[in-house]
């Protein structure tokens, strides 16, 4: 029964009002439970490029507090890439830099040098808007890339697993 029908029935049967209210409340509660269950693993921020799964949002929130990569332990490479893109979108460049690999042999510039990069030279994160639909391809024990499309063009986004087993973004990740 739709809400309009409850109102109409209530007008026709004023002595049954409490029964109708109870029935309507049960339906509203059932609907809310269905919505909650369907959104259980997702959190949406309309100001972002992506919907984040609850574990991604939790890891991202904790990571921003102290930039400790251990907060990201267990997240897959696509999740880490989403957080990297999101940090750039939000202009949180310190967070974005902290998502780069910390393997010495792959570091290309320091955090201090990164802070000096003008915003106009950082490029647009819009190119990465489909990375959440990408597929990760592991190429060694600790390297791989995410294949994703920008329009018709297939791109790759390089990832490197750190010594603690956490996936991180390669410097200059676009292939």
N, C-alpha and C. Protein backbone atom coordinates (compact mmCIF):
# COMPACT_ATOMS: atom_id res chain seq x y z
N UNK A 1 0.84 -1.18 0.00
CA UNK A 1 0.00 0.00 0.00
C UNK A 1 0.89 1.24 0.00
N UNK A 2 0.63 2.19 -0.88
CA UNK A 2 1.38 3.42 -0.97
C UNK A 2 0.91 4.40 0.10
N UNK A 3 1.77 5.35 0.51
CA UNK A 3 1.38 6.31 1.55
C UNK A 3 0.08 7.05 1.27
N UNK A 4 -0.18 7.39 -0.02
CA UNK A 4 -1.42 8.09 -0.35
C UNK A 4 -2.63 7.24 0.02
N UNK A 5 -2.48 5.91 -0.20
CA UNK A 5 -3.59 5.01 0.11
C UNK A 5 -3.83 4.94 1.62
N UNK A 6 -2.76 5.03 2.42
CA UNK A 6 -2.93 5.05 3.88
C UNK A 6 -3.73 6.27 4.30
N UNK A 7 -3.41 7.41 3.70
CA UNK A 7 -4.12 8.64 4.04
C UNK A 7 -5.60 8.51 3.66
N UNK A 8 -5.84 8.00 2.46
CA UNK A 8 -7.22 7.85 1.99
C UNK A 8 -7.99 6.88 2.90
N UNK A 9 -7.36 5.76 3.24
CA UNK A 9 -8.02 4.78 4.11
C UNK A 9 -8.24 5.35 5.51
N UNK A 10 -7.29 6.13 5.98
CA UNK A 10 -7.43 6.74 7.31
C UNK A 10 -8.61 7.71 7.33
N UNK A 11 -8.80 8.44 6.24
CA UNK A 11 -9.93 9.36 6.16
C UNK A 11 -11.26 8.61 6.13
N UNK A 12 -11.26 7.44 5.50
CA UNK A 12 -12.49 6.66 5.40
C UNK A 12 -12.76 5.84 6.66
N UNK A 13 -11.69 5.47 7.38
CA UNK A 13 -11.83 4.63 8.57
C UNK A 13 -11.05 5.23 9.73
N UNK A 14 -11.50 6.36 10.28
CA UNK A 14 -10.74 7.02 11.35
C UNK A 14 -10.55 6.15 12.59
N UNK A 15 -11.42 5.20 12.83
CA UNK A 15 -11.28 4.35 14.02
C UNK A 15 -10.19 3.29 13.85
N UNK A 16 -9.66 3.11 12.64
CA UNK A 16 -8.59 2.12 12.39
C UNK A 16 -7.24 2.81 12.21
N UNK A 17 -7.13 4.05 12.66
CA UNK A 17 -5.91 4.84 12.45
C UNK A 17 -4.67 4.18 13.05
N UNK A 18 -4.74 3.68 14.26
CA UNK A 18 -3.54 3.10 14.89
C UNK A 18 -3.06 1.86 14.14
N UNK A 19 -3.98 1.06 13.62
CA UNK A 19 -3.60 -0.11 12.83
C UNK A 19 -2.91 0.28 11.54
N UNK A 20 -3.41 1.31 10.90
CA UNK A 20 -2.81 1.79 9.65
C UNK A 20 -1.42 2.38 9.90
N UNK A 21 -1.29 3.13 10.96
CA UNK A 21 0.02 3.72 11.30
C UNK A 21 1.03 2.62 11.57
N UNK A 22 0.60 1.60 12.33
CA UNK A 22 1.49 0.49 12.64
C UNK A 22 1.91 -0.25 11.36
N UNK A 23 0.96 -0.52 10.48
CA UNK A 23 1.26 -1.20 9.22
C UNK A 23 2.21 -0.37 8.36
N UNK A 24 1.95 0.92 8.27
CA UNK A 24 2.81 1.80 7.48
C UNK A 24 4.21 1.86 8.07
N UNK A 25 4.33 1.92 9.40
CA UNK A 25 5.65 1.97 10.04
C UNK A 25 6.43 0.68 9.78
N UNK A 26 5.75 -0.46 9.79
CA UNK A 26 6.41 -1.73 9.48
C UNK A 26 6.97 -1.73 8.06
N UNK A 27 6.18 -1.20 7.12
CA UNK A 27 6.64 -1.15 5.73
C UNK A 27 7.82 -0.18 5.57
N UNK A 28 7.75 0.94 6.25
CA UNK A 28 8.86 1.89 6.19
C UNK A 28 10.12 1.26 6.78
N UNK A 29 9.98 0.58 7.92
CA UNK A 29 11.14 -0.08 8.54
C UNK A 29 11.72 -1.16 7.63
N UNK A 30 10.84 -1.93 6.98
CA UNK A 30 11.31 -2.97 6.06
C UNK A 30 12.07 -2.34 4.90
N UNK A 31 11.52 -1.26 4.36
CA UNK A 31 12.18 -0.57 3.25
C UNK A 31 13.54 -0.02 3.68
N UNK A 32 13.60 0.59 4.87
CA UNK A 32 14.87 1.13 5.38
C UNK A 32 15.89 0.02 5.58
N UNK A 33 15.46 -1.13 6.09
CA UNK A 33 16.37 -2.26 6.27
C UNK A 33 16.91 -2.75 4.93
N UNK A 34 16.04 -2.82 3.91
CA UNK A 34 16.50 -3.22 2.58
C UNK A 34 17.54 -2.24 2.05
N UNK A 35 17.28 -0.95 2.20
CA UNK A 35 18.23 0.07 1.74
C UNK A 35 19.56 -0.06 2.48
N UNK A 36 19.49 -0.26 3.78
CA UNK A 36 20.71 -0.38 4.59
C UNK A 36 21.53 -1.58 4.16
N UNK A 37 20.85 -2.71 3.93
CA UNK A 37 21.55 -3.91 3.50
C UNK A 37 22.18 -3.73 2.13
N UNK A 38 21.49 -3.07 1.20
CA UNK A 38 22.06 -2.89 -0.13
C UNK A 38 23.22 -1.91 -0.14
N UNK A 39 23.27 -1.02 0.84
CA UNK A 39 24.35 -0.04 0.92
C UNK A 39 25.37 -0.38 1.99
N UNK A 40 25.26 -1.56 2.60
CA UNK A 40 26.09 -1.92 3.74
C UNK A 40 27.58 -1.81 3.47
N UNK A 41 28.02 -2.28 2.31
CA UNK A 41 29.45 -2.28 1.99
C UNK A 41 29.91 -1.04 1.25
N UNK A 42 29.04 -0.04 1.12
CA UNK A 42 29.42 1.13 0.36
C UNK A 42 29.11 2.38 1.13
N UNK A 43 29.93 3.37 0.89
CA UNK A 43 29.67 4.69 1.44
C UNK A 43 29.82 5.67 0.28
N UNK A 44 28.93 6.61 0.17
CA UNK A 44 28.94 7.51 -0.97
C UNK A 44 29.18 8.93 -0.50
N UNK A 45 30.09 9.59 -1.16
CA UNK A 45 30.31 11.01 -0.94
C UNK A 45 30.10 11.66 -2.29
N UNK A 46 29.03 12.43 -2.43
CA UNK A 46 28.69 12.98 -3.74
C UNK A 46 29.74 13.93 -4.28
N UNK A 47 30.67 14.38 -3.45
CA UNK A 47 31.69 15.31 -3.92
C UNK A 47 32.91 14.57 -4.47
N UNK A 48 32.85 13.26 -4.55
CA UNK A 48 34.00 12.49 -5.00
C UNK A 48 33.74 11.86 -6.35
N UNK A 49 34.78 11.26 -6.89
CA UNK A 49 34.68 10.56 -8.17
C UNK A 49 34.11 9.16 -8.03
N UNK A 50 34.28 8.55 -6.87
CA UNK A 50 33.95 7.15 -6.67
C UNK A 50 33.06 6.95 -5.45
N UNK A 51 32.39 5.81 -5.45
CA UNK A 51 31.81 5.30 -4.22
C UNK A 51 32.92 4.47 -3.59
N UNK A 52 33.15 4.67 -2.30
CA UNK A 52 34.15 3.86 -1.61
C UNK A 52 33.45 2.76 -0.83
N UNK A 53 34.00 1.57 -0.88
CA UNK A 53 33.52 0.49 -0.02
C UNK A 53 33.85 0.89 1.41
N UNK A 54 33.16 0.30 2.36
CA UNK A 54 33.35 0.70 3.76
C UNK A 54 34.79 0.51 4.21
N UNK A 55 35.45 -0.58 3.79
CA UNK A 55 36.84 -0.79 4.21
C UNK A 55 37.78 0.22 3.55
N UNK A 56 37.46 0.66 2.34
CA UNK A 56 38.27 1.70 1.69
C UNK A 56 38.12 3.03 2.42
N UNK A 57 36.90 3.39 2.73
CA UNK A 57 36.64 4.65 3.44
C UNK A 57 37.30 4.64 4.82
N UNK A 58 37.22 3.51 5.51
CA UNK A 58 37.84 3.39 6.83
C UNK A 58 39.36 3.53 6.72
N UNK A 59 39.96 2.80 5.79
CA UNK A 59 41.40 2.87 5.59
C UNK A 59 41.85 4.27 5.20
N UNK A 60 41.10 4.90 4.30
CA UNK A 60 41.45 6.24 3.84
C UNK A 60 41.36 7.25 4.98
N UNK A 61 40.31 7.16 5.75
CA UNK A 61 40.15 8.07 6.89
C UNK A 61 41.28 7.94 7.90
N UNK A 62 41.63 6.70 8.24
CA UNK A 62 42.71 6.45 9.20
C UNK A 62 44.06 6.85 8.61
N UNK A 63 44.27 6.54 7.35
CA UNK A 63 45.54 6.85 6.68
C UNK A 63 45.80 8.35 6.68
N UNK A 64 44.77 9.15 6.45
CA UNK A 64 44.93 10.60 6.40
C UNK A 64 45.38 11.18 7.74
N UNK A 65 45.10 10.48 8.83
CA UNK A 65 45.45 10.99 10.16
C UNK A 65 46.96 11.00 10.39
N UNK A 66 47.64 9.93 9.97
CA UNK A 66 49.08 9.85 10.26
C UNK A 66 49.93 9.35 9.08
N UNK A 67 49.28 9.10 7.93
CA UNK A 67 49.95 8.64 6.70
C UNK A 67 50.69 7.31 6.88
N UNK A 68 50.24 6.51 7.82
CA UNK A 68 50.84 5.20 8.06
C UNK A 68 50.20 4.18 7.10
N UNK A 69 51.01 3.60 6.19
CA UNK A 69 50.45 2.66 5.21
C UNK A 69 49.82 1.42 5.82
N UNK A 70 50.11 1.10 7.06
CA UNK A 70 49.53 -0.09 7.69
C UNK A 70 48.00 0.01 7.77
N UNK A 71 47.46 1.23 7.74
CA UNK A 71 46.01 1.39 7.73
C UNK A 71 45.40 0.85 6.43
N UNK A 72 46.22 0.66 5.42
CA UNK A 72 45.75 0.22 4.11
C UNK A 72 45.98 -1.28 3.89
N UNK A 73 46.51 -1.94 4.90
CA UNK A 73 46.82 -3.36 4.79
C UNK A 73 45.54 -4.14 4.43
N UNK A 74 45.66 -4.98 3.43
CA UNK A 74 44.52 -5.79 3.02
C UNK A 74 43.70 -5.20 1.89
N UNK A 75 43.93 -3.92 1.58
CA UNK A 75 43.21 -3.33 0.44
C UNK A 75 43.86 -3.78 -0.86
N UNK A 76 43.05 -4.05 -1.86
CA UNK A 76 43.58 -4.51 -3.14
C UNK A 76 44.14 -3.32 -3.93
N UNK A 77 44.90 -3.59 -4.98
CA UNK A 77 45.53 -2.51 -5.76
C UNK A 77 44.53 -1.50 -6.34
N UNK A 78 43.38 -1.94 -6.80
CA UNK A 78 42.39 -1.01 -7.36
C UNK A 78 41.90 -0.07 -6.26
N UNK A 79 41.71 -0.59 -5.06
CA UNK A 79 41.28 0.26 -3.93
C UNK A 79 42.32 1.33 -3.63
N UNK A 80 43.59 0.95 -3.62
CA UNK A 80 44.66 1.91 -3.35
C UNK A 80 44.70 2.97 -4.45
N UNK A 81 44.55 2.55 -5.70
CA UNK A 81 44.54 3.49 -6.82
C UNK A 81 43.38 4.48 -6.67
N UNK A 82 42.22 3.99 -6.25
CA UNK A 82 41.07 4.87 -6.04
C UNK A 82 41.39 5.92 -4.98
N UNK A 83 42.06 5.51 -3.91
CA UNK A 83 42.40 6.46 -2.84
C UNK A 83 43.40 7.50 -3.33
N UNK A 84 44.35 7.06 -4.16
CA UNK A 84 45.33 7.98 -4.75
C UNK A 84 44.62 9.03 -5.60
N UNK A 85 43.72 8.59 -6.46
CA UNK A 85 42.98 9.52 -7.32
C UNK A 85 42.11 10.44 -6.47
N UNK A 86 41.44 9.89 -5.47
CA UNK A 86 40.59 10.68 -4.59
C UNK A 86 41.40 11.75 -3.85
N UNK A 87 42.58 11.40 -3.37
CA UNK A 87 43.43 12.38 -2.68
C UNK A 87 43.80 13.53 -3.62
N UNK A 88 44.12 13.22 -4.86
CA UNK A 88 44.41 14.27 -5.84
C UNK A 88 43.19 15.12 -6.13
N UNK A 89 42.03 14.48 -6.25
CA UNK A 89 40.78 15.19 -6.50
C UNK A 89 40.47 16.16 -5.36
N UNK A 90 40.77 15.72 -4.14
CA UNK A 90 40.52 16.56 -2.96
C UNK A 90 41.67 17.53 -2.68
N UNK A 91 42.69 17.51 -3.54
CA UNK A 91 43.87 18.36 -3.42
C UNK A 91 44.62 18.12 -2.10
N UNK A 92 44.62 16.88 -1.66
CA UNK A 92 45.36 16.46 -0.47
C UNK A 92 46.66 15.82 -0.97
N UNK A 93 47.56 16.68 -1.41
CA UNK A 93 48.75 16.20 -2.08
C UNK A 93 49.72 15.48 -1.15
N UNK A 94 49.70 15.80 0.14
CA UNK A 94 50.53 15.07 1.09
C UNK A 94 50.03 13.63 1.21
N UNK A 95 48.73 13.46 1.21
CA UNK A 95 48.13 12.11 1.28
C UNK A 95 48.44 11.37 -0.02
N UNK A 96 48.30 12.05 -1.13
CA UNK A 96 48.55 11.43 -2.42
C UNK A 96 50.02 10.98 -2.50
N UNK A 97 50.94 11.82 -2.07
CA UNK A 97 52.36 11.45 -2.10
C UNK A 97 52.61 10.22 -1.21
N UNK A 98 51.97 10.19 -0.05
CA UNK A 98 52.17 9.08 0.89
C UNK A 98 51.66 7.75 0.33
N UNK A 99 50.84 7.79 -0.70
CA UNK A 99 50.35 6.56 -1.33
C UNK A 99 51.32 6.02 -2.38
N UNK A 100 52.36 6.80 -2.72
CA UNK A 100 53.40 6.31 -3.62
C UNK A 100 54.21 5.22 -2.91
N UNK A 101 54.86 4.40 -3.72
CA UNK A 101 55.68 3.33 -3.17
C UNK A 101 56.77 3.88 -2.26
N UNK A 102 57.07 3.11 -1.21
CA UNK A 102 58.19 3.47 -0.34
C UNK A 102 59.39 2.53 -0.56
N UNK A 103 59.35 1.76 -1.62
CA UNK A 103 60.52 0.93 -1.97
C UNK A 103 61.60 1.86 -2.53
N UNK A 104 62.74 1.88 -1.87
CA UNK A 104 63.83 2.80 -2.19
C UNK A 104 64.17 2.84 -3.67
N UNK A 105 64.25 1.66 -4.30
CA UNK A 105 64.69 1.60 -5.69
C UNK A 105 63.68 2.20 -6.68
N UNK A 106 62.47 2.49 -6.21
CA UNK A 106 61.43 3.04 -7.09
C UNK A 106 61.07 4.50 -6.79
N UNK A 107 61.61 5.06 -5.72
CA UNK A 107 61.29 6.45 -5.36
C UNK A 107 61.98 7.39 -6.35
N UNK A 108 61.20 8.31 -6.92
CA UNK A 108 61.74 9.20 -7.95
C UNK A 108 61.92 10.64 -7.46
N UNK A 109 61.19 11.06 -6.43
CA UNK A 109 61.37 12.39 -5.86
C UNK A 109 60.85 12.39 -4.43
N UNK A 110 61.31 13.37 -3.67
CA UNK A 110 60.98 13.44 -2.24
C UNK A 110 59.62 14.11 -2.01
N UNK A 111 59.12 13.96 -0.80
CA UNK A 111 57.87 14.63 -0.42
C UNK A 111 58.04 16.15 -0.49
N UNK A 112 59.24 16.64 -0.14
CA UNK A 112 59.50 18.08 -0.21
C UNK A 112 59.44 18.58 -1.65
N UNK A 113 60.03 17.80 -2.56
CA UNK A 113 59.96 18.17 -3.98
C UNK A 113 58.52 18.11 -4.48
N UNK A 114 57.77 17.14 -4.01
CA UNK A 114 56.38 16.99 -4.43
C UNK A 114 55.55 18.21 -4.02
N UNK A 115 55.82 18.75 -2.84
CA UNK A 115 55.08 19.92 -2.36
C UNK A 115 55.34 21.15 -3.23
N UNK A 116 56.46 21.16 -3.93
CA UNK A 116 56.82 22.30 -4.77
C UNK A 116 56.17 22.25 -6.16
N UNK A 117 55.53 21.15 -6.49
CA UNK A 117 54.91 21.03 -7.82
C UNK A 117 53.68 21.92 -7.86
N UNK A 118 53.64 22.85 -8.81
CA UNK A 118 52.46 23.74 -8.92
C UNK A 118 51.21 22.93 -9.28
N UNK A 119 50.08 23.39 -8.79
CA UNK A 119 48.82 22.69 -9.05
C UNK A 119 48.56 22.53 -10.54
N UNK A 120 48.89 23.54 -11.33
CA UNK A 120 48.65 23.48 -12.77
C UNK A 120 49.45 22.37 -13.45
N UNK A 121 50.54 21.93 -12.83
CA UNK A 121 51.38 20.89 -13.40
C UNK A 121 51.02 19.49 -12.89
N UNK A 122 50.05 19.40 -12.02
CA UNK A 122 49.68 18.10 -11.45
C UNK A 122 48.75 17.31 -12.36
N UNK A 123 48.17 17.96 -13.33
CA UNK A 123 47.28 17.26 -14.25
C UNK A 123 45.91 17.05 -13.63
N UNK A 124 45.02 16.56 -14.45
CA UNK A 124 43.64 16.34 -14.02
C UNK A 124 43.46 14.89 -13.59
N UNK A 125 42.73 14.69 -12.51
CA UNK A 125 42.43 13.33 -12.07
C UNK A 125 41.26 12.74 -12.86
N UNK A 126 40.62 13.57 -13.68
CA UNK A 126 39.48 13.10 -14.47
C UNK A 126 39.84 11.91 -15.37
N UNK A 127 41.10 11.85 -15.79
CA UNK A 127 41.53 10.74 -16.64
C UNK A 127 41.40 9.40 -15.91
N UNK A 128 41.41 9.44 -14.59
CA UNK A 128 41.36 8.21 -13.79
C UNK A 128 39.95 7.83 -13.34
N UNK A 129 38.93 8.54 -13.83
CA UNK A 129 37.59 8.34 -13.27
C UNK A 129 37.05 6.92 -13.46
N UNK A 130 37.60 6.15 -14.38
CA UNK A 130 37.15 4.76 -14.57
C UNK A 130 38.09 3.73 -13.96
N UNK A 131 39.06 4.17 -13.19
CA UNK A 131 40.03 3.22 -12.66
C UNK A 131 39.37 2.21 -11.71
N UNK A 132 38.28 2.62 -11.10
CA UNK A 132 37.57 1.70 -10.20
C UNK A 132 36.93 0.53 -10.95
N UNK A 133 36.82 0.65 -12.25
CA UNK A 133 36.27 -0.43 -13.07
C UNK A 133 37.39 -1.24 -13.74
N UNK A 134 38.63 -0.92 -13.39
CA UNK A 134 39.77 -1.57 -13.99
C UNK A 134 40.03 -2.96 -13.45
N UNK A 135 40.97 -3.64 -14.10
CA UNK A 135 41.37 -5.00 -13.73
C UNK A 135 42.85 -4.99 -13.40
N UNK A 136 43.19 -5.55 -12.23
CA UNK A 136 44.59 -5.61 -11.83
C UNK A 136 45.26 -6.84 -12.44
N UNK A 137 46.45 -6.60 -13.02
CA UNK A 137 47.25 -7.67 -13.60
C UNK A 137 48.60 -7.68 -12.88
N UNK A 138 48.86 -8.74 -12.14
CA UNK A 138 50.11 -8.84 -11.39
C UNK A 138 51.19 -9.38 -12.31
N UNK A 139 52.34 -8.67 -12.34
CA UNK A 139 53.42 -9.06 -13.25
C UNK A 139 54.61 -9.70 -12.54
N UNK A 140 54.68 -9.57 -11.22
CA UNK A 140 55.71 -10.24 -10.41
C UNK A 140 55.17 -10.32 -8.98
N UNK A 141 56.01 -10.78 -8.07
CA UNK A 141 55.57 -10.87 -6.67
C UNK A 141 55.16 -9.52 -6.10
N UNK A 142 55.77 -8.45 -6.60
CA UNK A 142 55.48 -7.15 -6.01
C UNK A 142 55.22 -6.04 -7.03
N UNK A 143 54.94 -6.38 -8.27
CA UNK A 143 54.58 -5.36 -9.26
C UNK A 143 53.35 -5.80 -10.05
N UNK A 144 52.69 -4.82 -10.61
CA UNK A 144 51.54 -5.09 -11.45
C UNK A 144 50.97 -3.77 -11.96
N UNK A 145 49.87 -3.88 -12.67
CA UNK A 145 49.24 -2.67 -13.18
C UNK A 145 47.73 -2.90 -13.30
N UNK A 146 47.01 -1.80 -13.29
CA UNK A 146 45.56 -1.83 -13.44
C UNK A 146 45.25 -1.41 -14.87
N UNK A 147 44.58 -2.28 -15.60
CA UNK A 147 44.11 -1.93 -16.93
C UNK A 147 42.75 -1.25 -16.79
N UNK A 148 42.59 -0.10 -17.44
CA UNK A 148 41.30 0.58 -17.43
C UNK A 148 41.17 1.40 -18.69
N UNK A 149 39.96 1.72 -19.02
CA UNK A 149 39.68 2.47 -20.25
C UNK A 149 39.37 3.93 -19.96
N UNK A 150 39.88 4.77 -20.83
CA UNK A 150 39.48 6.18 -20.89
C UNK A 150 38.90 6.32 -22.29
N UNK A 151 37.59 6.34 -22.35
CA UNK A 151 36.93 6.28 -23.65
C UNK A 151 37.24 4.94 -24.29
N UNK A 152 37.83 4.98 -25.45
CA UNK A 152 38.19 3.75 -26.17
C UNK A 152 39.64 3.33 -25.90
N UNK A 153 40.40 4.19 -25.23
CA UNK A 153 41.83 3.94 -25.03
C UNK A 153 42.09 3.13 -23.76
N UNK A 154 42.85 2.06 -23.92
CA UNK A 154 43.24 1.21 -22.80
C UNK A 154 44.51 1.76 -22.17
N UNK A 155 44.47 2.02 -20.86
CA UNK A 155 45.63 2.54 -20.14
C UNK A 155 46.02 1.57 -19.04
N UNK A 156 47.23 1.77 -18.53
CA UNK A 156 47.72 0.99 -17.40
C UNK A 156 48.17 1.91 -16.29
N UNK A 157 47.95 1.50 -15.05
CA UNK A 157 48.30 2.27 -13.86
C UNK A 157 49.16 1.37 -12.99
N UNK A 158 50.46 1.69 -12.88
CA UNK A 158 51.43 0.81 -12.23
C UNK A 158 51.32 0.83 -10.71
N UNK A 159 51.44 -0.34 -10.13
CA UNK A 159 51.37 -0.51 -8.68
C UNK A 159 52.58 -1.34 -8.23
N UNK A 160 53.01 -1.06 -7.00
CA UNK A 160 54.15 -1.78 -6.42
C UNK A 160 53.79 -2.16 -4.99
N UNK A 161 54.04 -3.42 -4.64
CA UNK A 161 53.77 -3.89 -3.27
C UNK A 161 54.98 -3.57 -2.42
N UNK A 162 54.76 -2.97 -1.25
CA UNK A 162 55.89 -2.64 -0.38
C UNK A 162 56.35 -3.85 0.42
N UNK A 163 57.38 -3.68 1.22
CA UNK A 163 57.97 -4.78 1.99
C UNK A 163 56.99 -5.37 3.00
N UNK A 164 55.96 -4.61 3.38
CA UNK A 164 54.96 -5.08 4.35
C UNK A 164 53.77 -5.75 3.67
N UNK A 165 53.82 -5.86 2.35
CA UNK A 165 52.74 -6.51 1.61
C UNK A 165 51.57 -5.59 1.28
N UNK A 166 51.80 -4.30 1.31
CA UNK A 166 50.76 -3.31 1.01
C UNK A 166 51.00 -2.76 -0.39
N UNK A 167 49.96 -2.77 -1.21
CA UNK A 167 50.09 -2.21 -2.55
C UNK A 167 50.15 -0.70 -2.48
N UNK A 168 51.07 -0.12 -3.28
CA UNK A 168 51.23 1.33 -3.35
C UNK A 168 51.34 1.74 -4.82
N UNK A 169 51.18 3.02 -5.05
CA UNK A 169 51.21 3.57 -6.41
C UNK A 169 52.66 3.78 -6.83
N UNK A 170 52.97 3.39 -8.05
CA UNK A 170 54.30 3.67 -8.61
C UNK A 170 54.39 5.15 -8.93
N UNK A 171 55.60 5.71 -8.83
CA UNK A 171 55.82 7.07 -9.28
C UNK A 171 55.56 7.07 -10.79
N UNK A 172 54.91 8.12 -11.28
CA UNK A 172 54.54 8.22 -12.69
C UNK A 172 53.81 6.94 -13.12
N UNK A 173 52.67 6.69 -12.53
CA UNK A 173 52.01 5.38 -12.68
C UNK A 173 51.38 5.10 -14.03
N UNK A 174 51.07 6.13 -14.79
CA UNK A 174 50.37 5.92 -16.05
C UNK A 174 51.29 5.31 -17.10
N UNK A 175 50.80 4.26 -17.76
CA UNK A 175 51.57 3.60 -18.81
C UNK A 175 50.98 3.95 -20.15
